[in-house]
């Protein structure tokens, strides 16, 4: 019985029940996010929230009950599983609703803060979406290249901030403001709340913005290339089978 449950709740190739379970869970996740779009909670939204959370609780308990089959650590698996990344996300999806049910709590700000943790429900989709799983695998495979780009981006931000902070100190109250400006320039967002006014500062801004476009484009190119390569391998594997 537990083996069948494990095959259903975990992604199992060729298992129709597992596929249906994944689609149902993805639908429940989407529905659970709907109440977050409203400031006030109506009775219908409350019922929707409690119903979806009940499904999450059942899913969470089933995964704990079959933890030994997933982690293969014997009895220790039941104690280790709650501390795994996905299990923690599952728990964060559940706790806010039950915290809000406690009428004895007067720390409303903490309850509201806990409500924000419901956004983690979107992260549960990582478990059920094959495309997202492929992207995560690509990120792991290309970790060295992405780490190099990340190092380059951080270096760019710090060096640009240091240069602009010394070239135009009057426009930036602190080095943090300069780092903020450099980050905004890197991402080409350009809020315009902090900007240089001197000619030298503007020249540096133009150069950093152009360089920023290249830095931002690199991770996208790496992930896209890796994704297409992974899809090609999957298609070749399917043809060979």
Foldseek 3Di string as FASTA:
>chain_A
DLVVLVPQCAPHPPDPSNLVVLVVLVVLLVQLCVLVVDPDADPVNLVSNVVSLVVLVVSLVSCLVNQCVVVVPPPCSSVCVCVDPLNVLSVLLNPLSVVVVPPPDPPVVVSVVSVVSNVSSVVNNCRRDPLNVLLVVLCVVCVVVVVVLVVVLVVLLLVLLVVLCVVAVPQDVDSVSSSVLLVCLLVVVCPPPGADDDPVRVVSSVVSNVVSVVSVVVVVVSSVVSSVVVVVVVVVVVVVD
